[in-house]
Amino acid sequence: MAESKQLKSGMLISGHHSLPDEEKKLNFKTFMVEIWAVSRIADYFVGTFSSNVGRALGELIGAQKCIGQVETRGPLATSIDDKWIPFP
């Protein structure tokens, strides 16, 4: 587990940001492979479109099926966000 670090500015950083660069890269690559794998096997996504990861999964699932979705409920996904609007 990474320890917290304090920057010269006084800001305290911890978690992912305090890991060594190589470990950050490995974590990122692992995360991206997991997102890609889910998009390959999932038929439908229920999650939050306010999340970058949720929107990415919806887009990746759509790319696999060659269809798109504009609304928060459709053929690819359902967003559980209250009144989330993709283009305000």
C-alpha atoms as a PDB file:
ATOM      1  CA  MET A   1       0.000   0.000   0.000  1.00  0.00           C
ATOM      2  CA  ALA A   2       1.327   3.410  -0.937  1.00  0.00           C
ATOM      3  CA  GLU A   3       1.922   5.994   1.730  1.00  0.00           C
ATOM      4  CA  SER A   4       0.749   9.600   1.551  1.00  0.00           C
ATOM      5  CA  LYS A   5       3.200  12.254   0.348  1.00  0.00           C
ATOM      6  CA  GLN A   6       3.203  15.957   1.028  1.00  0.00           C
ATOM      7  CA  LEU A   7       4.198  18.273  -1.801  1.00  0.00           C
ATOM      8  CA  LYS A   8       6.194  21.498  -1.336  1.00  0.00           C
ATOM      9  CA  SER A   9       2.931  23.386  -1.773  1.00  0.00           C
ATOM     10  CA  GLY A  10       1.564  21.611   1.301  1.00  0.00           C
ATOM     11  CA  MET A  11      -0.900  19.518  -0.708  1.00  0.00           C
ATOM     12  CA  LEU A  12      -1.208  15.954   0.585  1.00  0.00           C
ATOM     13  CA  ILE A  13      -1.437  13.230  -2.066  1.00  0.00           C
ATOM     14  CA  SER A  14      -2.233   9.575  -1.521  1.00  0.00           C
ATOM     15  CA  GLY A  15      -3.660   6.519  -3.226  1.00  0.00           C
ATOM     16  CA  HIS A  16      -2.954   6.135  -6.936  1.00  0.00           C
ATOM     17  CA  HIS A  17      -1.055   9.434  -7.158  1.00  0.00           C
ATOM     18  CA  SER A  18       1.513   8.358  -4.575  1.00  0.00           C
ATOM     19  CA  LEU A  19       2.389   5.096  -6.337  1.00  0.00           C
ATOM     20  CA  PRO A  20       5.620   4.692  -8.303  1.00  0.00           C
ATOM     21  CA  ASP A  21       5.217   5.503 -12.022  1.00  0.00           C
ATOM     22  CA  GLU A  22       5.628   1.887 -13.148  1.00  0.00           C
ATOM     23  CA  GLU A  23       2.889   0.725 -10.779  1.00  0.00           C
ATOM     24  CA  LYS A  24       0.585   3.520 -11.990  1.00  0.00           C
ATOM     25  CA  LYS A  25       1.131   2.398 -15.594  1.00  0.00           C
ATOM     26  CA  LEU A  26       0.440  -1.232 -14.725  1.00  0.00           C
ATOM     27  CA  ASN A  27      -2.750  -0.285 -12.844  1.00  0.00           C
ATOM     28  CA  PHE A  28      -3.933   1.833 -15.785  1.00  0.00           C
ATOM     29  CA  LYS A  29      -3.254  -0.917 -18.327  1.00  0.00           C
ATOM     30  CA  THR A  30      -5.045  -3.481 -16.148  1.00  0.00           C
ATOM     31  CA  PHE A  31      -8.048  -1.163 -15.780  1.00  0.00           C
ATOM     32  CA  MET A  32      -8.264  -0.551 -19.527  1.00  0.00           C
ATOM     33  CA  VAL A  33      -8.090  -4.284 -20.286  1.00  0.00           C
ATOM     34  CA  GLU A  34     -10.919  -4.893 -17.801  1.00  0.00           C
ATOM     35  CA  ILE A  35     -13.094  -2.192 -19.422  1.00  0.00           C
ATOM     36  CA  TRP A  36     -12.388  -3.618 -22.884  1.00  0.00           C
ATOM     37  CA  ALA A  37     -13.174  -7.185 -21.705  1.00  0.00           C
ATOM     38  CA  VAL A  38     -16.489  -6.097 -20.184  1.00  0.00           C
ATOM     39  CA  SER A  39     -17.429  -4.315 -23.409  1.00  0.00           C
ATOM     40  CA  ARG A  40     -16.725  -7.485 -25.403  1.00  0.00           C
ATOM     41  CA  ILE A  41     -18.921  -9.794 -23.293  1.00  0.00           C
ATOM     42  CA  ALA A  42     -21.688  -7.460 -22.102  1.00  0.00           C
ATOM     43  CA  ASP A  43     -24.996  -7.269 -23.935  1.00  0.00           C
ATOM     44  CA  TYR A  44     -26.292  -4.355 -21.890  1.00  0.00           C
ATOM     45  CA  PHE A  45     -24.947  -1.874 -19.326  1.00  0.00           C
ATOM     46  CA  VAL A  46     -26.739  -0.482 -16.272  1.00  0.00           C
ATOM     47  CA  GLY A  47     -24.698   2.218 -14.580  1.00  0.00           C
ATOM     48  CA  THR A  48     -24.101   5.941 -14.455  1.00  0.00           C
ATOM     49  CA  PHE A  49     -23.528   8.107 -17.495  1.00  0.00           C
ATOM     50  CA  SER A  50     -22.243  10.879 -15.211  1.00  0.00           C
ATOM     51  CA  SER A  51     -19.184   8.634 -14.874  1.00  0.00           C
ATOM     52  CA  ASN A  52     -16.547   8.698 -17.613  1.00  0.00           C
ATOM     53  CA  VAL A  53     -16.193   4.934 -17.209  1.00  0.00           C
ATOM     54  CA  GLY A  54     -19.954   4.418 -17.554  1.00  0.00           C
ATOM     55  CA  ARG A  55     -20.115   6.481 -20.731  1.00  0.00           C
ATOM     56  CA  ALA A  56     -17.051   4.689 -22.124  1.00  0.00           C
ATOM     57  CA  LEU A  57     -18.656   1.298 -21.502  1.00  0.00           C
ATOM     58  CA  GLY A  58     -21.834   2.394 -23.245  1.00  0.00           C
ATOM     59  CA  GLU A  59     -19.828   3.615 -26.235  1.00  0.00           C
ATOM     60  CA  LEU A  60     -17.665   0.480 -26.398  1.00  0.00           C
ATOM     61  CA  ILE A  61     -20.684  -1.832 -26.221  1.00  0.00           C
ATOM     62  CA  GLY A  62     -22.278   0.215 -29.018  1.00  0.00           C
ATOM     63  CA  ALA A  63     -19.144  -0.067 -31.120  1.00  0.00           C
ATOM     64  CA  GLN A  64     -19.189  -3.855 -30.720  1.00  0.00           C
ATOM     65  CA  LYS A  65     -22.810  -3.976 -31.903  1.00  0.00           C
ATOM     66  CA  CYS A  66     -22.469  -1.168 -34.490  1.00  0.00           C
ATOM     67  CA  ILE A  67     -25.390   0.786 -33.003  1.00  0.00           C
ATOM     68  CA  GLY A  68     -25.659   4.036 -31.081  1.00  0.00           C
ATOM     69  CA  GLN A  69     -27.768   5.418 -28.283  1.00  0.00           C
ATOM     70  CA  VAL A  70     -28.687   9.036 -27.555  1.00  0.00           C
ATOM     71  CA  GLU A  71     -31.052   8.745 -24.580  1.00  0.00           C
ATOM     72  CA  THR A  72     -30.316   7.526 -21.037  1.00  0.00           C
ATOM     73  CA  ARG A  73     -32.315   4.342 -21.757  1.00  0.00           C
ATOM     74  CA  GLY A  74     -31.998   2.423 -24.958  1.00  0.00           C
ATOM     75  CA  PRO A  75     -30.736  -0.668 -26.744  1.00  0.00           C
ATOM     76  CA  LEU A  76     -27.261  -0.511 -25.152  1.00  0.00           C
ATOM     77  CA  ALA A  77     -27.598   0.840 -21.651  1.00  0.00           C
ATOM     78  CA  THR A  78     -29.643   2.393 -18.882  1.00  0.00           C
ATOM     79  CA  SER A  79     -28.228   5.224 -16.819  1.00  0.00           C
ATOM     80  CA  ILE A  80     -29.359   5.274 -13.207  1.00  0.00           C
ATOM     81  CA  ASP A  81     -28.525   8.988 -12.910  1.00  0.00           C
ATOM     82  CA  ASP A  82     -31.470  11.246 -12.189  1.00  0.00           C
ATOM     83  CA  LYS A  83     -32.150  13.393 -15.234  1.00  0.00           C
ATOM     84  CA  TRP A  84     -28.670  13.043 -16.705  1.00  0.00           C
ATOM     85  CA  ILE A  85     -28.450  15.036 -19.941  1.00  0.00           C
ATOM     86  CA  PRO A  86     -25.614  14.201 -22.341  1.00  0.00           C
ATOM     87  CA  PHE A  87     -25.689  17.572 -24.094  1.00  0.00           C
ATOM     88  CA  PRO A  88     -27.016  20.317 -21.759  1.00  0.00           C
END
